Amino acid sequence: MVVTKDEYEKCHSAHPIFFSNNGVTVFTLDRPGLFYFISGVSGHCERGQKMIIKVLEPASPPQSADQNEQKNDAAVAMAAITSATLMSCIMSFVGHGYSDLDPNPVSDMLMI
């Protein structure tokens, strides 16, 4: 689940910003800033199954207007690829549970 900072700290949300439990979830990191994720499964968040993702603004040195426009277009495309790749990696990790950390792996570690 995607939740507010307060809900993240409390490990509870009655009205999450985003919720999905179909097992094949895509969430787009569509803005710079912090995104707070917690597991919707009872007890999982309290056991540390939560994460914060920080999306940064693209940085670019001062350039001419034409160069800036081309660089900004490329940065936006790269940010979209990076966000998708990141979420794919996270979902792959999540699907495998904590097998290296926990003697009792959990296949549904993070339900978002």
PDB file of N, CA and C in Angstrom:
ATOM      1  N   MET A   1       0.845  -1.173   0.000  1.00  0.00           N
ATOM      2  CA  MET A   1       0.000   0.000   0.000  1.00  0.00           C
ATOM      3  C   MET A   1       0.889   1.234   0.000  1.00  0.00           C
ATOM      4  N   VAL A   2       0.461   2.251  -0.703  1.00  0.00           N
ATOM      5  CA  VAL A   2       1.126   3.548  -0.631  1.00  0.00           C
ATOM      6  C   VAL A   2       0.323   4.363   0.379  1.00  0.00           C
ATOM      7  N   VAL A   3       1.030   4.930   1.347  1.00  0.00           N
ATOM      8  CA  VAL A   3       0.364   5.627   2.446  1.00  0.00           C
ATOM      9  C   VAL A   3       1.050   6.966   2.722  1.00  0.00           C
ATOM     10  N   THR A   4       0.483   7.722   3.636  1.00  0.00           N
ATOM     11  CA  THR A   4       1.103   8.973   4.058  1.00  0.00           C
ATOM     12  C   THR A   4       2.245   8.681   5.025  1.00  0.00           C
ATOM     13  N   LYS A   5       3.046   9.699   5.300  1.00  0.00           N
ATOM     14  CA  LYS A   5       4.163   9.538   6.236  1.00  0.00           C
ATOM     15  C   LYS A   5       3.646   9.124   7.617  1.00  0.00           C
ATOM     16  N   ASP A   6       2.576   9.749   8.063  1.00  0.00           N
ATOM     17  CA  ASP A   6       2.006   9.432   9.375  1.00  0.00           C
ATOM     18  C   ASP A   6       1.534   7.979   9.429  1.00  0.00           C
ATOM     19  N   GLU A   7       0.856   7.528   8.379  1.00  0.00           N
ATOM     20  CA  GLU A   7       0.382   6.144   8.343  1.00  0.00           C
ATOM     21  C   GLU A   7       1.566   5.171   8.266  1.00  0.00           C
ATOM     22  N   TYR A   8       2.620   5.556   7.560  1.00  0.00           N
ATOM     23  CA  TYR A   8       3.839   4.745   7.475  1.00  0.00           C
ATOM     24  C   TYR A   8       4.430   4.548   8.870  1.00  0.00           C
ATOM     25  N   GLU A   9       4.524   5.640   9.622  1.00  0.00           N
ATOM     26  CA  GLU A   9       5.103   5.567  10.966  1.00  0.00           C
ATOM     27  C   GLU A   9       4.235   4.745  11.913  1.00  0.00           C
ATOM     28  N   LYS A  10       2.918   4.776  11.728  1.00  0.00           N
ATOM     29  CA  LYS A  10       1.997   4.013  12.579  1.00  0.00           C
ATOM     30  C   LYS A  10       1.786   2.578  12.084  1.00  0.00           C
ATOM     31  N   CYS A  11       2.291   2.278  10.878  1.00  0.00           N
ATOM     32  CA  CYS A  11       2.075   0.949  10.266  1.00  0.00           C
ATOM     33  C   CYS A  11       0.590   0.622  10.134  1.00  0.00           C
ATOM     34  N   HIS A  12      -0.203   1.611   9.793  1.00  0.00           N
ATOM     35  CA  HIS A  12      -1.641   1.384   9.645  1.00  0.00           C
ATOM     36  C   HIS A  12      -2.234   2.444   8.725  1.00  0.00           C
ATOM     37  N   SER A  13      -3.158   2.014   7.864  1.00  0.00           N
ATOM     38  CA  SER A  13      -3.871   2.950   7.007  1.00  0.00           C
ATOM     39  C   SER A  13      -5.274   2.441   6.751  1.00  0.00           C
ATOM     40  N   ALA A  14      -6.249   3.251   7.112  1.00  0.00           N
ATOM     41  CA  ALA A  14      -7.639   2.916   6.827  1.00  0.00           C
ATOM     42  C   ALA A  14      -7.993   3.322   5.394  1.00  0.00           C
ATOM     43  N   HIS A  15      -7.282   4.321   4.857  1.00  0.00           N
ATOM     44  CA  HIS A  15      -7.552   4.841   3.514  1.00  0.00           C
ATOM     45  C   HIS A  15      -6.231   5.079   2.785  1.00  0.00           C
ATOM     46  N   PRO A  16      -5.585   4.010   2.290  1.00  0.00           N
ATOM     47  CA  PRO A  16      -4.300   4.184   1.616  1.00  0.00           C
ATOM     48  C   PRO A  16      -4.429   5.015   0.336  1.00  0.00           C
ATOM     49  N   ILE A  17      -3.337   5.636  -0.057  1.00  0.00           N
ATOM     50  CA  ILE A  17      -3.288   6.398  -1.300  1.00  0.00           C
ATOM     51  C   ILE A  17      -3.419   5.445  -2.486  1.00  0.00           C
ATOM     52  N   PHE A  18      -2.799   4.263  -2.369  1.00  0.00           N
ATOM     53  CA  PHE A  18      -2.854   3.242  -3.413  1.00  0.00           C
ATOM     54  C   PHE A  18      -2.845   1.870  -2.754  1.00  0.00           C
ATOM     55  N   PHE A  19      -3.708   0.977  -3.246  1.00  0.00           N
ATOM     56  CA  PHE A  19      -3.765  -0.384  -2.710  1.00  0.00           C
ATOM     57  C   PHE A  19      -4.002  -1.355  -3.856  1.00  0.00           C
ATOM     58  N   SER A  20      -3.304  -2.461  -3.828  1.00  0.00           N
ATOM     59  CA  SER A  20      -3.528  -3.525  -4.795  1.00  0.00           C
ATOM     60  C   SER A  20      -3.096  -4.833  -4.156  1.00  0.00           C
ATOM     61  N   ASN A  21      -3.844  -5.882  -4.403  1.00  0.00           N
ATOM     62  CA  ASN A  21      -3.454  -7.188  -3.866  1.00  0.00           C
ATOM     63  C   ASN A  21      -3.600  -8.286  -4.911  1.00  0.00           C
ATOM     64  N   ASN A  22      -3.417  -7.916  -6.188  1.00  0.00           N
ATOM     65  CA  ASN A  22      -3.577  -8.910  -7.250  1.00  0.00           C
ATOM     66  C   ASN A  22      -2.289  -9.664  -7.572  1.00  0.00           C
ATOM     67  N   GLY A  23      -1.180  -9.295  -6.934  1.00  0.00           N
ATOM     68  CA  GLY A  23       0.074 -10.009  -7.143  1.00  0.00           C
ATOM     69  C   GLY A  23       0.911  -9.494  -8.294  1.00  0.00           C
ATOM     70  N   VAL A  24       0.334  -8.748  -9.205  1.00  0.00           N
ATOM     71  CA  VAL A  24       1.066  -8.177 -10.328  1.00  0.00           C
ATOM     72  C   VAL A  24       0.743  -6.690 -10.352  1.00  0.00           C
ATOM     73  N   THR A  25       1.438  -5.941  -9.535  1.00  0.00           N
ATOM     74  CA  THR A  25       1.105  -4.536  -9.340  1.00  0.00           C
ATOM     75  C   THR A  25       2.170  -3.641  -9.931  1.00  0.00           C
ATOM     76  N   VAL A  26       1.731  -2.583 -10.611  1.00  0.00           N
ATOM     77  CA  VAL A  26       2.632  -1.561 -11.117  1.00  0.00           C
ATOM     78  C   VAL A  26       2.213  -0.242 -10.486  1.00  0.00           C
ATOM     79  N   PHE A  27       3.166   0.436  -9.890  1.00  0.00           N
ATOM     80  CA  PHE A  27       2.911   1.752  -9.322  1.00  0.00           C
ATOM     81  C   PHE A  27       3.905   2.724  -9.947  1.00  0.00           C
ATOM     82  N   THR A  28       3.430   3.814 -10.503  1.00  0.00           N
ATOM     83  CA  THR A  28       4.286   4.782 -11.170  1.00  0.00           C
ATOM     84  C   THR A  28       4.735   5.851 -10.188  1.00  0.00           C
ATOM     85  N   LEU A  29       6.044   6.009 -10.092  1.00  0.00           N
ATOM     86  CA  LEU A  29       6.624   7.087  -9.287  1.00  0.00           C
ATOM     87  C   LEU A  29       6.625   8.318 -10.175  1.00  0.00           C
ATOM     88  N   ASP A  30       5.541   9.090 -10.126  1.00  0.00           N
ATOM     89  CA  ASP A  30       5.275  10.121 -11.113  1.00  0.00           C
ATOM     90  C   ASP A  30       5.664  11.538 -10.730  1.00  0.00           C
ATOM     91  N   ARG A  31       6.363  11.671  -9.626  1.00  0.00           N
ATOM     92  CA  ARG A  31       6.753  13.012  -9.181  1.00  0.00           C
ATOM     93  C   ARG A  31       7.984  12.895  -8.285  1.00  0.00           C
ATOM     94  N   PRO A  32       8.732  13.973  -8.149  1.00  0.00           N
ATOM     95  CA  PRO A  32       9.824  13.955  -7.175  1.00  0.00           C
ATOM     96  C   PRO A  32       9.239  13.962  -5.768  1.00  0.00           C
ATOM     97  N   GLY A  33       9.945  13.372  -4.827  1.00  0.00           N
ATOM     98  CA  GLY A  33       9.503  13.381  -3.439  1.00  0.00           C
ATOM     99  C   GLY A  33       9.560  11.990  -2.840  1.00  0.00           C
ATOM    100  N   LEU A  34       8.949  11.858  -1.676  1.00  0.00           N
ATOM    101  CA  LEU A  34       8.963  10.602  -0.940  1.00  0.00           C
ATOM    102  C   LEU A  34       7.676   9.820  -1.171  1.00  0.00           C
ATOM    103  N   PHE A  35       7.827   8.517  -1.342  1.00  0.00           N
ATOM    104  CA  PHE A  35       6.705   7.597  -1.452  1.00  0.00           C
ATOM    105  C   PHE A  35       6.847   6.594  -0.316  1.00  0.00           C
ATOM    106  N   TYR A  36       5.786   6.423   0.464  1.00  0.00           N
ATOM    107  CA  TYR A  36       5.801   5.540   1.628  1.00  0.00           C
ATOM    108  C   TYR A  36       4.986   4.292   1.331  1.00  0.00           C
ATOM    109  N   PHE A  37       5.606   3.122   1.485  1.00  0.00           N
ATOM    110  CA  PHE A  37       4.963   1.845   1.229  1.00  0.00           C
ATOM    111  C   PHE A  37       4.954   1.015   2.508  1.00  0.00           C
ATOM    112  N   ILE A  38       3.803   0.397   2.794  1.00  0.00           N
ATOM    113  CA  ILE A  38       3.721  -0.558   3.899  1.00  0.00           C
ATOM    114  C   ILE A  38       2.979  -1.797   3.406  1.00  0.00           C
ATOM    115  N   SER A  39       3.229  -2.914   4.058  1.00  0.00           N
ATOM    116  CA  SER A  39       2.492  -4.127   3.744  1.00  0.00           C
ATOM    117  C   SER A  39       1.092  -4.026   4.321  1.00  0.00           C
ATOM    118  N   GLY A  40       0.129  -4.512   3.566  1.00  0.00           N
ATOM    119  CA  GLY A  40      -1.250  -4.516   4.048  1.00  0.00           C
ATOM    120  C   GLY A  40      -1.590  -5.766   4.841  1.00  0.00           C
ATOM    121  N   VAL A  41      -0.648  -6.704   4.940  1.00  0.00           N
ATOM    122  CA  VAL A  41      -0.885  -7.942   5.678  1.00  0.00           C
ATOM    123  C   VAL A  41      -0.640  -7.683   7.165  1.00  0.00           C
ATOM    124  N   SER A  42      -1.546  -8.095   7.989  1.00  0.00           N
ATOM    125  CA  SER A  42      -1.460  -7.868   9.429  1.00  0.00           C
ATOM    126  C   SER A  42      -0.119  -8.330  10.004  1.00  0.00           C
ATOM    127  N   GLY A  43       0.549  -7.432  10.722  1.00  0.00           N
ATOM    128  CA  GLY A  43       1.802  -7.745  11.394  1.00  0.00           C
ATOM    129  C   GLY A  43       3.055  -7.576  10.553  1.00  0.00           C
ATOM    130  N   HIS A  44       2.917  -7.544   9.242  1.00  0.00           N
ATOM    131  CA  HIS A  44       4.101  -7.434   8.385  1.00  0.00           C
ATOM    132  C   HIS A  44       4.824  -6.104   8.543  1.00  0.00           C
ATOM    133  N   CYS A  45       4.106  -5.010   8.537  1.00  0.00           N
ATOM    134  CA  CYS A  45       4.730  -3.696   8.663  1.00  0.00           C
ATOM    135  C   CYS A  45       5.472  -3.590   9.998  1.00  0.00           C
ATOM    136  N   GLU A  46       4.851  -4.052  11.055  1.00  0.00           N
ATOM    137  CA  GLU A  46       5.474  -3.997  12.378  1.00  0.00           C
ATOM    138  C   GLU A  46       6.776  -4.803  12.424  1.00  0.00           C
ATOM    139  N   ARG A  47       6.890  -5.792  11.552  1.00  0.00           N
ATOM    140  CA  ARG A  47       8.120  -6.600  11.477  1.00  0.00           C
ATOM    141  C   ARG A  47       9.103  -6.030  10.457  1.00  0.00           C
ATOM    142  N   GLY A  48       8.856  -4.803  10.012  1.00  0.00           N
ATOM    143  CA  GLY A  48       9.809  -4.114   9.147  1.00  0.00           C
ATOM    144  C   GLY A  48       9.549  -4.224   7.660  1.00  0.00           C
ATOM    145  N   GLN A  49       8.428  -4.750   7.258  1.00  0.00           N
ATOM    146  CA  GLN A  49       8.144  -4.889   5.839  1.00  0.00           C
ATOM    147  C   GLN A  49       7.468  -3.621   5.325  1.00  0.00           C
ATOM    148  N   LYS A  50       8.314  -2.599   5.222  1.00  0.00           N
ATOM    149  CA  LYS A  50       7.882  -1.304   4.718  1.00  0.00           C
ATOM    150  C   LYS A  50       9.103  -0.634   4.094  1.00  0.00           C
ATOM    151  N   MET A  51       8.849   0.379   3.251  1.00  0.00           N
ATOM    152  CA  MET A  51       9.970   1.068   2.625  1.00  0.00           C
ATOM    153  C   MET A  51       9.563   2.472   2.213  1.00  0.00           C
ATOM    154  N   ILE A  52      10.585   3.309   2.072  1.00  0.00           N
ATOM    155  CA  ILE A  52      10.414   4.670   1.578  1.00  0.00           C
ATOM    156  C   ILE A  52      11.246   4.772   0.305  1.00  0.00           C
ATOM    157  N   ILE A  53      10.647   5.310  -0.750  1.00  0.00           N
ATOM    158  CA  ILE A  53      11.377   5.563  -1.990  1.00  0.00           C
ATOM    159  C   ILE A  53      11.424   7.065  -2.193  1.00  0.00           C
ATOM    160  N   LYS A  54      12.631   7.578  -2.406  1.00  0.00           N
ATOM    161  CA  LYS A  54      12.815   8.998  -2.662  1.00  0.00           C
ATOM    162  C   LYS A  54      13.119   9.192  -4.139  1.00  0.00           C
ATOM    163  N   VAL A  55      12.267   9.944  -4.833  1.00  0.00           N
ATOM    164  CA  VAL A  55      12.455  10.258  -6.244  1.00  0.00           C
ATOM    165  C   VAL A  55      13.053  11.659  -6.312  1.00  0.00           C
ATOM    166  N   LEU A  56      14.210  11.755  -6.963  1.00  0.00           N
ATOM    167  CA  LEU A  56      14.930  13.024  -7.055  1.00  0.00           C
ATOM    168  C   LEU A  56      14.543  13.796  -8.306  1.00  0.00           C
ATOM    169  N   GLU A  57      14.710  15.115  -8.241  1.00  0.00           N
ATOM    170  CA  GLU A  57      14.571  15.977  -9.410  1.00  0.00           C
ATOM    171  C   GLU A  57      15.751  15.698 -10.326  1.00  0.00           C
ATOM    172  N   PRO A  58      15.548  15.686 -11.643  1.00  0.00           N
ATOM    173  CA  PRO A  58      16.697  15.539 -12.531  1.00  0.00           C
ATOM    174  C   PRO A  58      17.594  16.771 -12.413  1.00  0.00           C
ATOM    175  N   ALA A  59      18.901  16.550 -12.318  1.00  0.00           N
ATOM    176  CA  ALA A  59      19.855  17.651 -12.218  1.00  0.00           C
ATOM    177  C   ALA A  59      20.497  17.885 -13.577  1.00  0.00           C
ATOM    178  N   SER A  60      20.638  19.153 -13.950  1.00  0.00           N
ATOM    179  CA  SER A  60      21.312  19.471 -15.199  1.00  0.00           C
ATOM    180  C   SER A  60      22.039  20.803 -15.058  1.00  0.00           C
ATOM    181  N   PRO A  61      23.237  20.931 -15.640  1.00  0.00           N
ATOM    182  CA  PRO A  61      23.972  22.198 -15.599  1.00  0.00           C
ATOM    183  C   PRO A  61      23.314  23.230 -16.514  1.00  0.00           C
ATOM    184  N   PRO A  62      23.571  24.514 -16.297  1.00  0.00           N
ATOM    185  CA  PRO A  62      23.006  25.564 -17.161  1.00  0.00           C
ATOM    186  C   PRO A  62      23.440  25.355 -18.616  1.00  0.00           C
ATOM    187  N   GLN A  63      22.485  25.438 -19.553  1.00  0.00           N
ATOM    188  CA  GLN A  63      22.756  25.272 -20.979  1.00  0.00           C
ATOM    189  C   GLN A  63      21.839  26.175 -21.769  1.00  0.00           C
ATOM    190  N   SER A  64      22.017  26.191 -23.090  1.00  0.00           N
ATOM    191  CA  SER A  64      21.151  27.003 -23.941  1.00  0.00           C
ATOM    192  C   SER A  64      19.744  26.429 -23.915  1.00  0.00           C
ATOM    193  N   ALA A  65      18.759  27.200 -24.365  1.00  0.00           N
ATOM    194  CA  ALA A  65      17.357  26.773 -24.331  1.00  0.00           C
ATOM    195  C   ALA A  65      17.130  25.510 -25.142  1.00  0.00           C
ATOM    196  N   ASP A  66      17.697  25.397 -26.356  1.00  0.00           N
ATOM    197  CA  ASP A  66      17.517  24.203 -27.186  1.00  0.00           C
ATOM    198  C   ASP A  66      18.126  22.973 -26.532  1.00  0.00           C
ATOM    199  N   GLN A  67      19.337  23.126 -25.975  1.00  0.00           N
ATOM    200  CA  GLN A  67      19.985  22.002 -25.317  1.00  0.00           C
ATOM    201  C   GLN A  67      19.210  21.588 -24.077  1.00  0.00           C
ATOM    202  N   ASN A  68      18.697  22.581 -23.325  1.00  0.00           N
ATOM    203  CA  ASN A  68      17.906  22.276 -22.129  1.00  0.00           C
ATOM    204  C   ASN A  68      16.669  21.469 -22.475  1.00  0.00           C
ATOM    205  N   GLU A  69      15.967  21.856 -23.548  1.00  0.00           N
ATOM    206  CA  GLU A  69      14.745  21.161 -23.934  1.00  0.00           C
ATOM    207  C   GLU A  69      15.047  19.709 -24.292  1.00  0.00           C
ATOM    208  N   GLN A  70      16.128  19.491 -25.071  1.00  0.00           N
ATOM    209  CA  GLN A  70      16.505  18.128 -25.439  1.00  0.00           C
ATOM    210  C   GLN A  70      16.913  17.322 -24.210  1.00  0.00           C
ATOM    211  N   LYS A  71      17.698  17.920 -23.318  1.00  0.00           N
ATOM    212  CA  LYS A  71      18.153  17.221 -22.109  1.00  0.00           C
ATOM    213  C   LYS A  71      16.975  16.903 -21.198  1.00  0.00           C
ATOM    214  N   ASN A  72      16.025  17.867 -21.064  1.00  0.00           N
ATOM    215  CA  ASN A  72      14.866  17.638 -20.198  1.00  0.00           C
ATOM    216  C   ASN A  72      14.013  16.493 -20.727  1.00  0.00           C
ATOM    217  N   ASP A  73      13.822  16.431 -22.067  1.00  0.00           N
ATOM    218  CA  ASP A  73      13.064  15.332 -22.654  1.00  0.00           C
ATOM    219  C   ASP A  73      13.745  14.004 -22.352  1.00  0.00           C
ATOM    220  N   ALA A  74      15.069  13.976 -22.483  1.00  0.00           N
ATOM    221  CA  ALA A  74      15.821  12.753 -22.202  1.00  0.00           C
ATOM    222  C   ALA A  74      15.741  12.395 -20.724  1.00  0.00           C
ATOM    223  N   ALA A  75      15.818  13.409 -19.851  1.00  0.00           N
ATOM    224  CA  ALA A  75      15.754  13.164 -18.404  1.00  0.00           C
ATOM    225  C   ALA A  75      14.395  12.604 -18.009  1.00  0.00           C
ATOM    226  N   VAL A  76      13.324  13.130 -18.599  1.00  0.00           N
ATOM    227  CA  VAL A  76      11.985  12.630 -18.295  1.00  0.00           C
ATOM    228  C   VAL A  76      11.860  11.176 -18.747  1.00  0.00           C
ATOM    229  N   ALA A  77      12.362  10.875 -19.954  1.00  0.00           N
ATOM    230  CA  ALA A  77      12.313   9.496 -20.445  1.00  0.00           C
ATOM    231  C   ALA A  77      13.125   8.585 -19.538  1.00  0.00           C
ATOM    232  N   MET A  78      14.309   9.024 -19.127  1.00  0.00           N
ATOM    233  CA  MET A  78      15.159   8.205 -18.253  1.00  0.00           C
ATOM    234  C   MET A  78      14.492   8.019 -16.895  1.00  0.00           C
ATOM    235  N   ALA A  79      13.851   9.076 -16.370  1.00  0.00           N
ATOM    236  CA  ALA A  79      13.166   8.953 -15.076  1.00  0.00           C
ATOM    237  C   ALA A  79      12.057   7.918 -15.169  1.00  0.00           C
ATOM    238  N   ALA A  80      11.324   7.899 -16.274  1.00  0.00           N
ATOM    239  CA  ALA A  80      10.258   6.912 -16.445  1.00  0.00           C
ATOM    240  C   ALA A  80      10.838   5.505 -16.505  1.00  0.00           C
ATOM    241  N   ILE A  81      11.937   5.348 -17.238  1.00  0.00           N
ATOM    242  CA  ILE A  81      12.574   4.038 -17.322  1.00  0.00           C
ATOM    243  C   ILE A  81      13.104   3.624 -15.958  1.00  0.00           C
ATOM    244  N   THR A  82      13.753   4.573 -15.273  1.00  0.00           N
ATOM    245  CA  THR A  82      14.323   4.275 -13.965  1.00  0.00           C
ATOM    246  C   THR A  82      13.237   3.882 -12.980  1.00  0.00           C
ATOM    247  N   SER A  83      12.123   4.607 -12.968  1.00  0.00           N
ATOM    248  CA  SER A  83      11.027   4.290 -12.057  1.00  0.00           C
ATOM    249  C   SER A  83      10.472   2.903 -12.342  1.00  0.00           C
ATOM    250  N   ALA A  84      10.259   2.611 -13.622  1.00  0.00           N
ATOM    251  CA  ALA A  84       9.720   1.300 -13.984  1.00  0.00           C
ATOM    252  C   ALA A  84      10.699   0.197 -13.620  1.00  0.00           C
ATOM    253  N   THR A  85      11.970   0.431 -13.894  1.00  0.00           N
ATOM    254  CA  THR A  85      12.989  -0.569 -13.572  1.00  0.00           C
ATOM    255  C   THR A  85      13.072  -0.783 -12.075  1.00  0.00           C
ATOM    256  N   LEU A  86      13.051   0.307 -11.315  1.00  0.00           N
ATOM    257  CA  LEU A  86      13.111   0.217  -9.864  1.00  0.00           C
ATOM    258  C   LEU A  86      11.941  -0.593  -9.320  1.00  0.00           C
ATOM    259  N   MET A  87      10.745  -0.275  -9.781  1.00  0.00           N
ATOM    260  CA  MET A  87       9.578  -0.993  -9.274  1.00  0.00           C
ATOM    261  C   MET A  87       9.624  -2.461  -9.692  1.00  0.00           C
ATOM    262  N   SER A  88      10.125  -2.736 -10.893  1.00  0.00           N
ATOM    263  CA  SER A  88      10.263  -4.116 -11.329  1.00  0.00           C
ATOM    264  C   SER A  88      11.216  -4.870 -10.414  1.00  0.00           C
ATOM    265  N   CYS A  89      12.334  -4.236 -10.078  1.00  0.00           N
ATOM    266  CA  CYS A  89      13.295  -4.870  -9.174  1.00  0.00           C
ATOM    267  C   CYS A  89      12.690  -5.095  -7.797  1.00  0.00           C
ATOM    268  N   ILE A  90      11.974  -4.088  -7.313  1.00  0.00           N
ATOM    269  CA  ILE A  90      11.349  -4.201  -5.993  1.00  0.00           C
ATOM    270  C   ILE A  90      10.322  -5.323  -6.005  1.00  0.00           C
ATOM    271  N   MET A  91       9.503  -5.360  -7.054  1.00  0.00           N
ATOM    272  CA  MET A  91       8.482  -6.400  -7.116  1.00  0.00           C
ATOM    273  C   MET A  91       9.137  -7.777  -7.226  1.00  0.00           C
ATOM    274  N   SER A  92      10.252  -7.879  -7.945  1.00  0.00           N
ATOM    275  CA  SER A  92      10.956  -9.161  -8.033  1.00  0.00           C
ATOM    276  C   SER A  92      11.472  -9.568  -6.668  1.00  0.00           C
ATOM    277  N   PHE A  93      12.058  -8.619  -5.941  1.00  0.00           N
ATOM    278  CA  PHE A  93      12.573  -8.884  -4.600  1.00  0.00           C
ATOM    279  C   PHE A  93      11.441  -9.284  -3.668  1.00  0.00           C
ATOM    280  N   VAL A  94      10.346  -8.526  -3.752  1.00  0.00           N
ATOM    281  CA  VAL A  94       9.204  -8.771  -2.885  1.00  0.00           C
ATOM    282  C   VAL A  94       8.638 -10.166  -3.142  1.00  0.00           C
ATOM    283  N   GLY A  95       8.591 -10.574  -4.386  1.00  0.00           N
ATOM    284  CA  GLY A  95       8.031 -11.874  -4.720  1.00  0.00           C
ATOM    285  C   GLY A  95       8.837 -13.034  -4.165  1.00  0.00           C
ATOM    286  N   HIS A  96      10.082 -12.791  -3.809  1.00  0.00           N
ATOM    287  CA  HIS A  96      10.921 -13.865  -3.296  1.00  0.00           C
ATOM    288  C   HIS A  96      10.999 -13.886  -1.772  1.00  0.00           C
ATOM    289  N   GLY A  97      10.379 -12.930  -1.100  1.00  0.00           N
ATOM    290  CA  GLY A  97      10.381 -12.916   0.360  1.00  0.00           C
ATOM    291  C   GLY A  97      11.743 -12.605   0.934  1.00  0.00           C
ATOM    292  N   TYR A  98      11.899 -12.793   2.195  1.00  0.00           N
ATOM    293  CA  TYR A  98      13.136 -12.511   2.919  1.00  0.00           C
ATOM    294  C   TYR A  98      13.950 -13.781   3.109  1.00  0.00           C
ATOM    295  N   SER A  99      14.076 -14.608   2.107  1.00  0.00           N
ATOM    296  CA  SER A  99      14.695 -15.919   2.287  1.00  0.00           C
ATOM    297  C   SER A  99      16.101 -15.840   2.864  1.00  0.00           C
ATOM    298  N   ASP A 100      16.858 -14.779   2.568  1.00  0.00           N
ATOM    299  CA  ASP A 100      18.205 -14.677   3.101  1.00  0.00           C
ATOM    300  C   ASP A 100      18.236 -14.106   4.516  1.00  0.00           C
ATOM    301  N   LEU A 101      17.170 -13.427   4.911  1.00  0.00           N
ATOM    302  CA  LEU A 101      17.156 -12.756   6.200  1.00  0.00           C
ATOM    303  C   LEU A 101      16.316 -13.476   7.244  1.00  0.00           C
ATOM    304  N   ASP A 102      15.319 -14.174   6.796  1.00  0.00           N
ATOM    305  CA  ASP A 102      14.335 -14.752   7.705  1.00  0.00           C
ATOM    306  C   ASP A 102      14.254 -16.258   7.439  1.00  0.00           C
ATOM    307  N   PRO A 103      14.379 -17.074   8.462  1.00  0.00           N
ATOM    308  CA  PRO A 103      14.287 -18.516   8.235  1.00  0.00           C
ATOM    309  C   PRO A 103      12.906 -18.959   7.771  1.00  0.00           C
ATOM    310  N   ASN A 104      11.902 -18.099   7.897  1.00  0.00           N
ATOM    311  CA  ASN A 104      10.549 -18.401   7.437  1.00  0.00           C
ATOM    312  C   ASN A 104      10.186 -17.427   6.323  1.00  0.00           C
ATOM    313  N   PRO A 105      10.594 -17.690   5.056  1.00  0.00           N
ATOM    314  CA  PRO A 105      10.342 -16.748   3.965  1.00  0.00           C
ATOM    315  C   PRO A 105       8.852 -16.484   3.783  1.00  0.00           C
ATOM    316  N   VAL A 106       8.568 -15.285   3.361  1.00  0.00           N
ATOM    317  CA  VAL A 106       7.191 -14.864   3.164  1.00  0.00           C
ATOM    318  C   VAL A 106       7.042 -14.476   1.698  1.00  0.00           C
ATOM    319  N   SER A 107       6.216 -15.191   0.961  1.00  0.00           N
ATOM    320  CA  SER A 107       6.089 -14.902  -0.468  1.00  0.00           C
ATOM    321  C   SER A 107       5.245 -13.657  -0.712  1.00  0.00           C
ATOM    322  N   ASP A 108       4.404 -13.286   0.221  1.00  0.00           N
ATOM    323  CA  ASP A 108       3.563 -12.098   0.017  1.00  0.00           C
ATOM    324  C   ASP A 108       4.032 -10.980   0.943  1.00  0.00           C
ATOM    325  N   MET A 109       5.330 -10.788   0.985  1.00  0.00           N
ATOM    326  CA  MET A 109       5.971  -9.865   1.908  1.00  0.00           C
ATOM    327  C   MET A 109       5.397  -8.462   1.875  1.00  0.00           C
ATOM    328  N   LEU A 110       5.151  -7.915   0.714  1.00  0.00           N
ATOM    329  CA  LEU A 110       4.694  -6.535   0.604  1.00  0.00           C
ATOM    330  C   LEU A 110       3.534  -6.478  -0.344  1.00  0.00           C
ATOM    331  N   MET A 111       2.375  -6.206   0.167  1.00  0.00           N
ATOM    332  CA  MET A 111       1.194  -6.111  -0.667  1.00  0.00           C
ATOM    333  C   MET A 111       0.939  -4.643  -0.934  1.00  0.00           C
ATOM    334  N   ILE A 112       1.213  -4.179  -2.153  1.00  0.00           N
ATOM    335  CA  ILE A 112       0.961  -2.774  -2.482  1.00  0.00           C
ATOM    336  C   ILE A 112       0.006  -2.668  -3.622  1.00  0.00           C
TER     337      ILE A 112
END
